[in-house]
Amino acid sequence: MPRKPPGAVRALPQWRPARPVRRLQGLPRRTLAAVRRIEALGPGPGAVAEALHTYEGFLRRPGRYLYVPWPTCPCCDPLAARDVLETALHRLPRPARAPLRTLVDRLDGEFRRRTLPDPLTAHPAPWWHRRLRAD
């Protein structure tokens, strides 16, 4: 029976993430460092960049109006992504928050323009949860 070489027996398995971690682009270093600090405490590395990518991806869809899809999984839900962004904005210190807030406000304006309000949703929910969903 063949044996493993001694180096292979002693070698520790290398941990690799299932997919590459997304990085935020185009933000000041102070904001990037603050985002990394809050991700280390909460949602995990790359969570804010992934949420931003999901939210932007939803807004890049063609058509004049968009209907928010019913979530099949939380990783593809634009409303869950917006929730992650809002949590990050609340946790960031004020000077580091401004550039990310500017970016999210621009996307929110597009979201409001291309989605319709749902008059039947619960009032205490954040405004982005009070938009019409696809049937």
C-alpha atoms as a PDB file:
ATOM      1  CA  MET A   1       0.000   0.000   0.000  1.00  0.00           C
ATOM      2  CA  PRO A   2       1.472   3.425  -0.940  1.00  0.00           C
ATOM      3  CA  ARG A   3       2.209   5.783   1.875  1.00  0.00           C
ATOM      4  CA  LYS A   4       1.927   9.548   2.047  1.00  0.00           C
ATOM      5  CA  PRO A   5       5.213  11.412   2.339  1.00  0.00           C
ATOM      6  CA  PRO A   6       5.910  12.722   5.861  1.00  0.00           C
ATOM      7  CA  GLY A   7       5.536  16.342   4.725  1.00  0.00           C
ATOM      8  CA  ALA A   8       2.021  15.669   3.454  1.00  0.00           C
ATOM      9  CA  VAL A   9       1.003  14.095   6.743  1.00  0.00           C
ATOM     10  CA  ARG A  10       2.244  17.076   8.766  1.00  0.00           C
ATOM     11  CA  ALA A  11       0.876  19.736   6.414  1.00  0.00           C
ATOM     12  CA  LEU A  12      -2.084  21.701   7.698  1.00  0.00           C
ATOM     13  CA  PRO A  13      -5.003  22.183   5.337  1.00  0.00           C
ATOM     14  CA  GLN A  14      -5.177  25.685   3.889  1.00  0.00           C
ATOM     15  CA  TRP A  15      -8.422  27.546   4.509  1.00  0.00           C
ATOM     16  CA  ARG A  16      -9.722  29.371   1.485  1.00  0.00           C
ATOM     17  CA  PRO A  17     -12.974  31.284   1.215  1.00  0.00           C
ATOM     18  CA  ALA A  18     -15.605  29.723  -1.032  1.00  0.00           C
ATOM     19  CA  ARG A  19     -15.468  32.799  -3.256  1.00  0.00           C
ATOM     20  CA  PRO A  20     -13.189  35.812  -3.423  1.00  0.00           C
ATOM     21  CA  VAL A  21     -13.993  38.639  -1.024  1.00  0.00           C
ATOM     22  CA  ARG A  22     -15.252  41.762  -2.805  1.00  0.00           C
ATOM     23  CA  ARG A  23     -13.472  45.042  -2.181  1.00  0.00           C
ATOM     24  CA  LEU A  24     -14.942  48.524  -2.212  1.00  0.00           C
ATOM     25  CA  GLN A  25     -13.628  50.731  -4.992  1.00  0.00           C
ATOM     26  CA  GLY A  26     -13.348  54.504  -5.250  1.00  0.00           C
ATOM     27  CA  LEU A  27     -13.724  55.428  -1.574  1.00  0.00           C
ATOM     28  CA  PRO A  28     -11.164  57.230   0.598  1.00  0.00           C
ATOM     29  CA  ARG A  29      -8.739  55.156   2.674  1.00  0.00           C
ATOM     30  CA  ARG A  30     -10.283  56.360   5.916  1.00  0.00           C
ATOM     31  CA  THR A  31     -13.674  55.015   4.851  1.00  0.00           C
ATOM     32  CA  LEU A  32     -12.219  51.711   3.637  1.00  0.00           C
ATOM     33  CA  ALA A  33     -10.365  51.213   6.927  1.00  0.00           C
ATOM     34  CA  ALA A  34     -13.481  52.008   8.958  1.00  0.00           C
ATOM     35  CA  VAL A  35     -15.556  49.609   6.854  1.00  0.00           C
ATOM     36  CA  ARG A  36     -12.992  46.840   7.415  1.00  0.00           C
ATOM     37  CA  ARG A  37     -13.161  47.482  11.184  1.00  0.00           C
ATOM     38  CA  ILE A  38     -16.953  47.237  11.360  1.00  0.00           C
ATOM     39  CA  GLU A  39     -16.987  44.178   9.087  1.00  0.00           C
ATOM     40  CA  ALA A  40     -14.555  42.447  11.447  1.00  0.00           C
ATOM     41  CA  LEU A  41     -17.031  42.983  14.308  1.00  0.00           C
ATOM     42  CA  GLY A  42     -20.239  42.192  12.474  1.00  0.00           C
ATOM     43  CA  PRO A  43     -21.265  40.826   9.124  1.00  0.00           C
ATOM     44  CA  GLY A  44     -17.888  39.536   7.933  1.00  0.00           C
ATOM     45  CA  PRO A  45     -15.223  40.573   5.442  1.00  0.00           C
ATOM     46  CA  GLY A  46     -16.551  42.019   2.210  1.00  0.00           C
ATOM     47  CA  ALA A  47     -20.182  42.218   3.372  1.00  0.00           C
ATOM     48  CA  VAL A  48     -20.544  45.941   2.649  1.00  0.00           C
ATOM     49  CA  ALA A  49     -18.964  45.611  -0.800  1.00  0.00           C
ATOM     50  CA  GLU A  50     -21.171  42.608  -1.556  1.00  0.00           C
ATOM     51  CA  ALA A  51     -24.291  44.518  -0.437  1.00  0.00           C
ATOM     52  CA  LEU A  52     -23.303  47.494  -2.569  1.00  0.00           C
ATOM     53  CA  HIS A  53     -22.739  45.197  -5.552  1.00  0.00           C
ATOM     54  CA  THR A  54     -26.147  43.530  -5.079  1.00  0.00           C
ATOM     55  CA  TYR A  55     -27.937  46.883  -4.713  1.00  0.00           C
ATOM     56  CA  GLU A  56     -26.200  48.360  -7.785  1.00  0.00           C
ATOM     57  CA  GLY A  57     -26.857  45.174  -9.758  1.00  0.00           C
ATOM     58  CA  PHE A  58     -30.578  45.420  -9.061  1.00  0.00           C
ATOM     59  CA  LEU A  59     -30.607  49.033 -10.258  1.00  0.00           C
ATOM     60  CA  ARG A  60     -28.718  48.134 -13.460  1.00  0.00           C
ATOM     61  CA  ARG A  61     -31.609  45.988 -14.668  1.00  0.00           C
ATOM     62  CA  PRO A  62     -33.275  47.212 -17.843  1.00  0.00           C
ATOM     63  CA  GLY A  63     -36.700  48.788 -17.903  1.00  0.00           C
ATOM     64  CA  ARG A  64     -38.315  51.984 -16.790  1.00  0.00           C
ATOM     65  CA  TYR A  65     -39.791  50.592 -13.589  1.00  0.00           C
ATOM     66  CA  LEU A  66     -38.420  47.889 -11.333  1.00  0.00           C
ATOM     67  CA  TYR A  67     -40.400  45.657  -9.030  1.00  0.00           C
ATOM     68  CA  VAL A  68     -38.603  44.363  -5.995  1.00  0.00           C
ATOM     69  CA  PRO A  69     -38.415  40.565  -6.276  1.00  0.00           C
ATOM     70  CA  TRP A  70     -39.580  38.302  -3.481  1.00  0.00           C
ATOM     71  CA  PRO A  71     -36.396  36.998  -1.895  1.00  0.00           C
ATOM     72  CA  THR A  72     -35.440  33.447  -2.765  1.00  0.00           C
ATOM     73  CA  CYS A  73     -32.204  33.804  -0.832  1.00  0.00           C
ATOM     74  CA  PRO A  74     -30.863  36.707   1.262  1.00  0.00           C
ATOM     75  CA  CYS A  75     -27.700  37.019  -0.840  1.00  0.00           C
ATOM     76  CA  CYS A  76     -29.726  38.115  -3.908  1.00  0.00           C
ATOM     77  CA  ASP A  77     -32.292  40.341  -2.180  1.00  0.00           C
ATOM     78  CA  PRO A  78     -31.728  44.067  -2.864  1.00  0.00           C
ATOM     79  CA  LEU A  79     -33.665  45.000   0.283  1.00  0.00           C
ATOM     80  CA  ALA A  80     -31.445  42.829   2.477  1.00  0.00           C
ATOM     81  CA  ALA A  81     -28.453  44.459   0.783  1.00  0.00           C
ATOM     82  CA  ARG A  82     -29.878  47.899   1.563  1.00  0.00           C
ATOM     83  CA  ASP A  83     -30.359  46.810   5.184  1.00  0.00           C
ATOM     84  CA  VAL A  84     -26.658  45.850   5.390  1.00  0.00           C
ATOM     85  CA  LEU A  85     -25.686  49.231   3.933  1.00  0.00           C
ATOM     86  CA  GLU A  86     -27.885  51.083   6.419  1.00  0.00           C
ATOM     87  CA  THR A  87     -26.401  49.154   9.343  1.00  0.00           C
ATOM     88  CA  ALA A  88     -22.893  49.946   8.087  1.00  0.00           C
ATOM     89  CA  LEU A  89     -23.757  53.635   7.732  1.00  0.00           C
ATOM     90  CA  HIS A  90     -25.004  53.752  11.327  1.00  0.00           C
ATOM     91  CA  ARG A  91     -21.881  52.028  12.656  1.00  0.00           C
ATOM     92  CA  LEU A  92     -19.316  54.092  10.738  1.00  0.00           C
ATOM     93  CA  PRO A  93     -17.810  57.160  12.403  1.00  0.00           C
ATOM     94  CA  ARG A  94     -19.062  60.456  10.985  1.00  0.00           C
ATOM     95  CA  PRO A  95     -15.992  61.464   8.896  1.00  0.00           C
ATOM     96  CA  ALA A  96     -15.741  58.010   7.307  1.00  0.00           C
ATOM     97  CA  ARG A  97     -19.489  57.781   6.735  1.00  0.00           C
ATOM     98  CA  ALA A  98     -19.863  60.750   4.363  1.00  0.00           C
ATOM     99  CA  PRO A  99     -18.370  59.215   1.163  1.00  0.00           C
ATOM    100  CA  LEU A 100     -20.340  55.982   1.552  1.00  0.00           C
ATOM    101  CA  ARG A 101     -23.506  57.966   2.385  1.00  0.00           C
ATOM    102  CA  THR A 102     -23.058  59.998  -0.832  1.00  0.00           C
ATOM    103  CA  LEU A 103     -22.802  56.806  -2.881  1.00  0.00           C
ATOM    104  CA  VAL A 104     -25.790  55.156  -1.187  1.00  0.00           C
ATOM    105  CA  ASP A 105     -27.890  58.346  -1.522  1.00  0.00           C
ATOM    106  CA  ARG A 106     -27.243  58.381  -5.273  1.00  0.00           C
ATOM    107  CA  LEU A 107     -28.384  54.748  -5.514  1.00  0.00           C
ATOM    108  CA  ASP A 108     -31.402  55.460  -3.292  1.00  0.00           C
ATOM    109  CA  GLY A 109     -32.494  58.246  -5.626  1.00  0.00           C
ATOM    110  CA  GLU A 110     -32.405  55.813  -8.537  1.00  0.00           C
ATOM    111  CA  PHE A 111     -34.257  53.201  -6.444  1.00  0.00           C
ATOM    112  CA  ARG A 112     -37.008  55.691  -5.558  1.00  0.00           C
ATOM    113  CA  ARG A 113     -37.276  56.830  -9.174  1.00  0.00           C
ATOM    114  CA  ARG A 114     -37.603  53.338 -10.631  1.00  0.00           C
ATOM    115  CA  THR A 115     -39.755  51.621  -8.000  1.00  0.00           C
ATOM    116  CA  LEU A 116     -43.290  52.431  -6.932  1.00  0.00           C
ATOM    117  CA  PRO A 117     -44.558  52.898  -3.370  1.00  0.00           C
ATOM    118  CA  ASP A 118     -46.725  50.149  -1.923  1.00  0.00           C
ATOM    119  CA  PRO A 119     -49.640  51.653   0.013  1.00  0.00           C
ATOM    120  CA  LEU A 120     -50.407  48.336   1.768  1.00  0.00           C
ATOM    121  CA  THR A 121     -47.117  47.825   3.599  1.00  0.00           C
ATOM    122  CA  ALA A 122     -46.567  48.360   7.305  1.00  0.00           C
ATOM    123  CA  HIS A 123     -45.689  51.962   8.135  1.00  0.00           C
ATOM    124  CA  PRO A 124     -42.827  51.421  10.638  1.00  0.00           C
ATOM    125  CA  ALA A 125     -40.738  49.589   8.027  1.00  0.00           C
ATOM    126  CA  PRO A 126     -37.875  51.534   6.411  1.00  0.00           C
ATOM    127  CA  TRP A 127     -38.891  53.316   3.212  1.00  0.00           C
ATOM    128  CA  TRP A 128     -37.133  50.805   0.934  1.00  0.00           C
ATOM    129  CA  HIS A 129     -39.302  48.002   2.346  1.00  0.00           C
ATOM    130  CA  ARG A 130     -42.421  49.979   1.413  1.00  0.00           C
ATOM    131  CA  ARG A 131     -41.989  49.538  -2.373  1.00  0.00           C
ATOM    132  CA  LEU A 132     -44.048  47.335  -4.699  1.00  0.00           C
ATOM    133  CA  ARG A 133     -42.870  43.769  -5.125  1.00  0.00           C
ATOM    134  CA  ALA A 134     -43.175  41.550  -8.189  1.00  0.00           C
ATOM    135  CA  ASP A 135     -46.000  39.059  -8.194  1.00  0.00           C
END
